[in-house]
Amino acid sequence: MTLWFWILLFLFLSFANFAFAMVQIKKFLSLTSIIESRKSLEDFKDFVRWQMYQTLIQLCFQGGALLLSLYGIFSSRLSFGQVFLYLILNGVIIILGRIFKKSEDEARSLMVDDENLKDEYKAICRTWIKKPLPDF
């Protein structure tokens, strides 16, 4: 298997992971429009945990493709066309991520009916943005 195969594999896995994460966000938002109880907050926690783990997996896929591409460039094992295609595919992933960021923001701005759950919901949202692993 060639270096280019591995780069494409990492990019394909990155696209698949991204698509799965987006489906999960859309599914969660279609089922949950408001945090109204402890159960809905627990469901939100489970959802956020998976999103955070998927982000780490995404970094591994993207980072792997980047490292292999850099190796291929510096060792002259990749052609100009392959490097160009890598940049285009990586750019598509980045653009899609920015487009669908709106859905993540929507999940972080749900209404919370129960005043007792607001602070915990906000803390979960802060963790989602600022930390690599869930601490809740």
C-alpha atoms as a PDB file:
ATOM      1  CA  MET A   1       0.000   0.000   0.000  1.00  0.00           C
ATOM      2  CA  THR A   2       1.301   3.371  -0.969  1.00  0.00           C
ATOM      3  CA  LEU A   3       1.657   6.524   1.040  1.00  0.00           C
ATOM      4  CA  TRP A   4      -1.089   8.116  -1.050  1.00  0.00           C
ATOM      5  CA  PHE A   5      -3.458   5.270  -0.169  1.00  0.00           C
ATOM      6  CA  TRP A   6      -2.933   5.928   3.554  1.00  0.00           C
ATOM      7  CA  ILE A   7      -3.479   9.645   3.133  1.00  0.00           C
ATOM      8  CA  LEU A   8      -6.727   9.026   1.258  1.00  0.00           C
ATOM      9  CA  LEU A   9      -7.794   6.478   3.873  1.00  0.00           C
ATOM     10  CA  PHE A  10      -7.282   9.007   6.677  1.00  0.00           C
ATOM     11  CA  LEU A  11      -9.238  11.611   4.711  1.00  0.00           C
ATOM     12  CA  PHE A  12     -12.050   9.148   3.977  1.00  0.00           C
ATOM     13  CA  LEU A  13     -12.245   8.221   7.668  1.00  0.00           C
ATOM     14  CA  SER A  14     -12.274  11.915   8.500  1.00  0.00           C
ATOM     15  CA  PHE A  15     -15.218  12.501   6.144  1.00  0.00           C
ATOM     16  CA  ALA A  16     -17.061   9.486   7.594  1.00  0.00           C
ATOM     17  CA  ASN A  17     -16.457  10.612  11.181  1.00  0.00           C
ATOM     18  CA  PHE A  18     -17.593  14.122  10.313  1.00  0.00           C
ATOM     19  CA  ALA A  19     -20.768  12.846   8.630  1.00  0.00           C
ATOM     20  CA  PHE A  20     -21.579  10.611  11.602  1.00  0.00           C
ATOM     21  CA  ALA A  21     -21.097  13.526  14.029  1.00  0.00           C
ATOM     22  CA  MET A  22     -23.381  15.752  11.961  1.00  0.00           C
ATOM     23  CA  VAL A  23     -26.080  13.082  11.825  1.00  0.00           C
ATOM     24  CA  GLN A  24     -25.868  12.753  15.595  1.00  0.00           C
ATOM     25  CA  ILE A  25     -26.197  16.516  16.092  1.00  0.00           C
ATOM     26  CA  LYS A  26     -29.194  16.728  13.760  1.00  0.00           C
ATOM     27  CA  LYS A  27     -30.802  13.713  15.434  1.00  0.00           C
ATOM     28  CA  PHE A  28     -30.282  15.159  18.913  1.00  0.00           C
ATOM     29  CA  LEU A  29     -31.673  18.549  17.913  1.00  0.00           C
ATOM     30  CA  SER A  30     -34.710  16.951  16.274  1.00  0.00           C
ATOM     31  CA  LEU A  31     -35.488  15.079  19.489  1.00  0.00           C
ATOM     32  CA  THR A  32     -34.530  17.790  21.985  1.00  0.00           C
ATOM     33  CA  SER A  33     -35.537  21.407  21.676  1.00  0.00           C
ATOM     34  CA  ILE A  34     -35.413  22.251  25.360  1.00  0.00           C
ATOM     35  CA  ILE A  35     -33.693  20.973  28.494  1.00  0.00           C
ATOM     36  CA  GLU A  36     -36.706  20.432  30.695  1.00  0.00           C
ATOM     37  CA  SER A  37     -35.683  17.754  33.159  1.00  0.00           C
ATOM     38  CA  ARG A  38     -32.765  15.899  34.684  1.00  0.00           C
ATOM     39  CA  LYS A  39     -33.307  13.170  32.049  1.00  0.00           C
ATOM     40  CA  SER A  40     -32.969  15.614  29.155  1.00  0.00           C
ATOM     41  CA  LEU A  41     -29.805  17.035  30.753  1.00  0.00           C
ATOM     42  CA  GLU A  42     -28.381  13.510  31.090  1.00  0.00           C
ATOM     43  CA  ASP A  43     -29.210  12.887  27.420  1.00  0.00           C
ATOM     44  CA  PHE A  44     -27.408  16.136  26.589  1.00  0.00           C
ATOM     45  CA  LYS A  45     -24.373  14.991  28.583  1.00  0.00           C
ATOM     46  CA  ASP A  46     -24.253  11.688  26.668  1.00  0.00           C
ATOM     47  CA  PHE A  47     -24.558  13.554  23.379  1.00  0.00           C
ATOM     48  CA  VAL A  48     -21.769  15.998  24.287  1.00  0.00           C
ATOM     49  CA  ARG A  49     -19.468  13.189  25.439  1.00  0.00           C
ATOM     50  CA  TRP A  50     -19.778  11.499  22.053  1.00  0.00           C
ATOM     51  CA  GLN A  51     -19.217  14.783  20.248  1.00  0.00           C
ATOM     52  CA  MET A  52     -16.060  15.435  22.265  1.00  0.00           C
ATOM     53  CA  TYR A  53     -14.695  11.941  21.600  1.00  0.00           C
ATOM     54  CA  GLN A  54     -15.502  12.270  17.915  1.00  0.00           C
ATOM     55  CA  THR A  55     -13.593  15.544  17.835  1.00  0.00           C
ATOM     56  CA  LEU A  56     -10.518  13.795  19.217  1.00  0.00           C
ATOM     57  CA  ILE A  57     -10.907  11.017  16.661  1.00  0.00           C
ATOM     58  CA  GLN A  58     -11.250  13.665  13.949  1.00  0.00           C
ATOM     59  CA  LEU A  59      -8.014  15.292  15.084  1.00  0.00           C
ATOM     60  CA  CYS A  60      -6.265  11.919  14.813  1.00  0.00           C
ATOM     61  CA  PHE A  61      -7.547  11.364  11.273  1.00  0.00           C
ATOM     62  CA  GLN A  62      -6.761  14.907  10.145  1.00  0.00           C
ATOM     63  CA  GLY A  63      -3.410  14.918  11.937  1.00  0.00           C
ATOM     64  CA  GLY A  64      -2.463  11.555  10.458  1.00  0.00           C
ATOM     65  CA  ALA A  65      -3.259  12.757   6.955  1.00  0.00           C
ATOM     66  CA  LEU A  66      -1.288  15.951   7.577  1.00  0.00           C
ATOM     67  CA  LEU A  67       1.787  14.153   8.916  1.00  0.00           C
ATOM     68  CA  LEU A  68       1.772  11.654   6.060  1.00  0.00           C
ATOM     69  CA  SER A  69       1.332  14.467   3.556  1.00  0.00           C
ATOM     70  CA  LEU A  70       4.226  16.435   5.016  1.00  0.00           C
ATOM     71  CA  TYR A  71       6.366  13.322   4.942  1.00  0.00           C
ATOM     72  CA  GLY A  72       5.352  12.742   1.331  1.00  0.00           C
ATOM     73  CA  ILE A  73       6.136  16.317   0.356  1.00  0.00           C
ATOM     74  CA  PHE A  74       9.554  16.445   2.046  1.00  0.00           C
ATOM     75  CA  SER A  75      10.570  13.003   0.802  1.00  0.00           C
ATOM     76  CA  SER A  76       9.296  13.770  -2.740  1.00  0.00           C
ATOM     77  CA  ARG A  77       6.957  10.767  -2.649  1.00  0.00           C
ATOM     78  CA  LEU A  78       3.876  12.797  -3.561  1.00  0.00           C
ATOM     79  CA  SER A  79       3.261  14.480  -6.868  1.00  0.00           C
ATOM     80  CA  PHE A  80       2.066  18.047  -7.175  1.00  0.00           C
ATOM     81  CA  GLY A  81      -1.371  16.734  -8.168  1.00  0.00           C
ATOM     82  CA  GLN A  82      -1.610  14.575  -5.067  1.00  0.00           C
ATOM     83  CA  VAL A  83      -0.627  17.453  -2.803  1.00  0.00           C
ATOM     84  CA  PHE A  84      -3.143  19.699  -4.556  1.00  0.00           C
ATOM     85  CA  LEU A  85      -5.911  17.079  -4.179  1.00  0.00           C
ATOM     86  CA  TYR A  86      -5.012  16.643  -0.498  1.00  0.00           C
ATOM     87  CA  LEU A  87      -5.342  20.400   0.033  1.00  0.00           C
ATOM     88  CA  ILE A  88      -8.701  20.483  -1.740  1.00  0.00           C
ATOM     89  CA  LEU A  89     -10.112  17.526   0.241  1.00  0.00           C
ATOM     90  CA  ASN A  90      -8.821  18.952   3.502  1.00  0.00           C
ATOM     91  CA  GLY A  91     -10.311  22.328   2.602  1.00  0.00           C
ATOM     92  CA  VAL A  92     -13.690  20.716   1.961  1.00  0.00           C
ATOM     93  CA  ILE A  93     -13.616  19.132   5.416  1.00  0.00           C
ATOM     94  CA  ILE A  94     -12.741  22.469   7.010  1.00  0.00           C
ATOM     95  CA  ILE A  95     -15.463  24.332   5.094  1.00  0.00           C
ATOM     96  CA  LEU A  96     -18.086  21.713   5.984  1.00  0.00           C
ATOM     97  CA  GLY A  97     -17.029  21.963   9.617  1.00  0.00           C
ATOM     98  CA  ARG A  98     -17.567  25.713   9.578  1.00  0.00           C
ATOM     99  CA  ILE A  99     -20.928  25.384   7.861  1.00  0.00           C
ATOM    100  CA  PHE A 100     -22.187  22.858  10.403  1.00  0.00           C
ATOM    101  CA  LYS A 101     -20.753  24.752  13.379  1.00  0.00           C
ATOM    102  CA  LYS A 102     -24.128  26.472  13.457  1.00  0.00           C
ATOM    103  CA  SER A 103     -25.733  23.181  14.543  1.00  0.00           C
ATOM    104  CA  GLU A 104     -23.272  22.813  17.418  1.00  0.00           C
ATOM    105  CA  ASP A 105     -23.992  26.371  18.476  1.00  0.00           C
ATOM    106  CA  GLU A 106     -27.696  25.576  18.390  1.00  0.00           C
ATOM    107  CA  ALA A 107     -27.131  22.596  20.701  1.00  0.00           C
ATOM    108  CA  ARG A 108     -25.212  24.862  23.077  1.00  0.00           C
ATOM    109  CA  SER A 109     -27.998  27.427  23.178  1.00  0.00           C
ATOM    110  CA  LEU A 110     -31.017  25.325  24.074  1.00  0.00           C
ATOM    111  CA  MET A 111     -33.504  26.754  26.520  1.00  0.00           C
ATOM    112  CA  VAL A 112     -33.370  25.297  30.002  1.00  0.00           C
ATOM    113  CA  ASP A 113     -36.755  25.139  31.720  1.00  0.00           C
ATOM    114  CA  ASP A 114     -35.547  24.132  35.152  1.00  0.00           C
ATOM    115  CA  GLU A 115     -33.546  26.874  36.878  1.00  0.00           C
ATOM    116  CA  ASN A 116     -31.705  24.245  38.934  1.00  0.00           C
ATOM    117  CA  LEU A 117     -30.236  22.765  35.733  1.00  0.00           C
ATOM    118  CA  LYS A 118     -29.099  26.006  34.040  1.00  0.00           C
ATOM    119  CA  ASP A 119     -25.705  26.245  35.696  1.00  0.00           C
ATOM    120  CA  GLU A 120     -24.905  22.601  35.014  1.00  0.00           C
ATOM    121  CA  TYR A 121     -25.987  22.975  31.369  1.00  0.00           C
ATOM    122  CA  LYS A 122     -23.742  26.040  30.979  1.00  0.00           C
ATOM    123  CA  ALA A 123     -20.821  24.190  32.581  1.00  0.00           C
ATOM    124  CA  ILE A 124     -21.268  21.281  30.160  1.00  0.00           C
ATOM    125  CA  CYS A 125     -21.315  23.714  27.232  1.00  0.00           C
ATOM    126  CA  ARG A 126     -18.120  25.419  28.490  1.00  0.00           C
ATOM    127  CA  THR A 127     -16.419  22.037  28.819  1.00  0.00           C
ATOM    128  CA  TRP A 128     -17.497  21.129  25.287  1.00  0.00           C
ATOM    129  CA  ILE A 129     -15.814  24.259  23.944  1.00  0.00           C
ATOM    130  CA  LYS A 130     -12.736  24.545  26.142  1.00  0.00           C
ATOM    131  CA  LYS A 131     -11.613  21.038  27.153  1.00  0.00           C
ATOM    132  CA  PRO A 132     -10.538  18.019  25.164  1.00  0.00           C
ATOM    133  CA  LEU A 133     -12.280  15.463  27.409  1.00  0.00           C
ATOM    134  CA  PRO A 134     -15.580  15.560  29.265  1.00  0.00           C
ATOM    135  CA  ASP A 135     -15.310  16.104  33.009  1.00  0.00           C
ATOM    136  CA  PHE A 136     -18.959  15.695  33.892  1.00  0.00           C
END
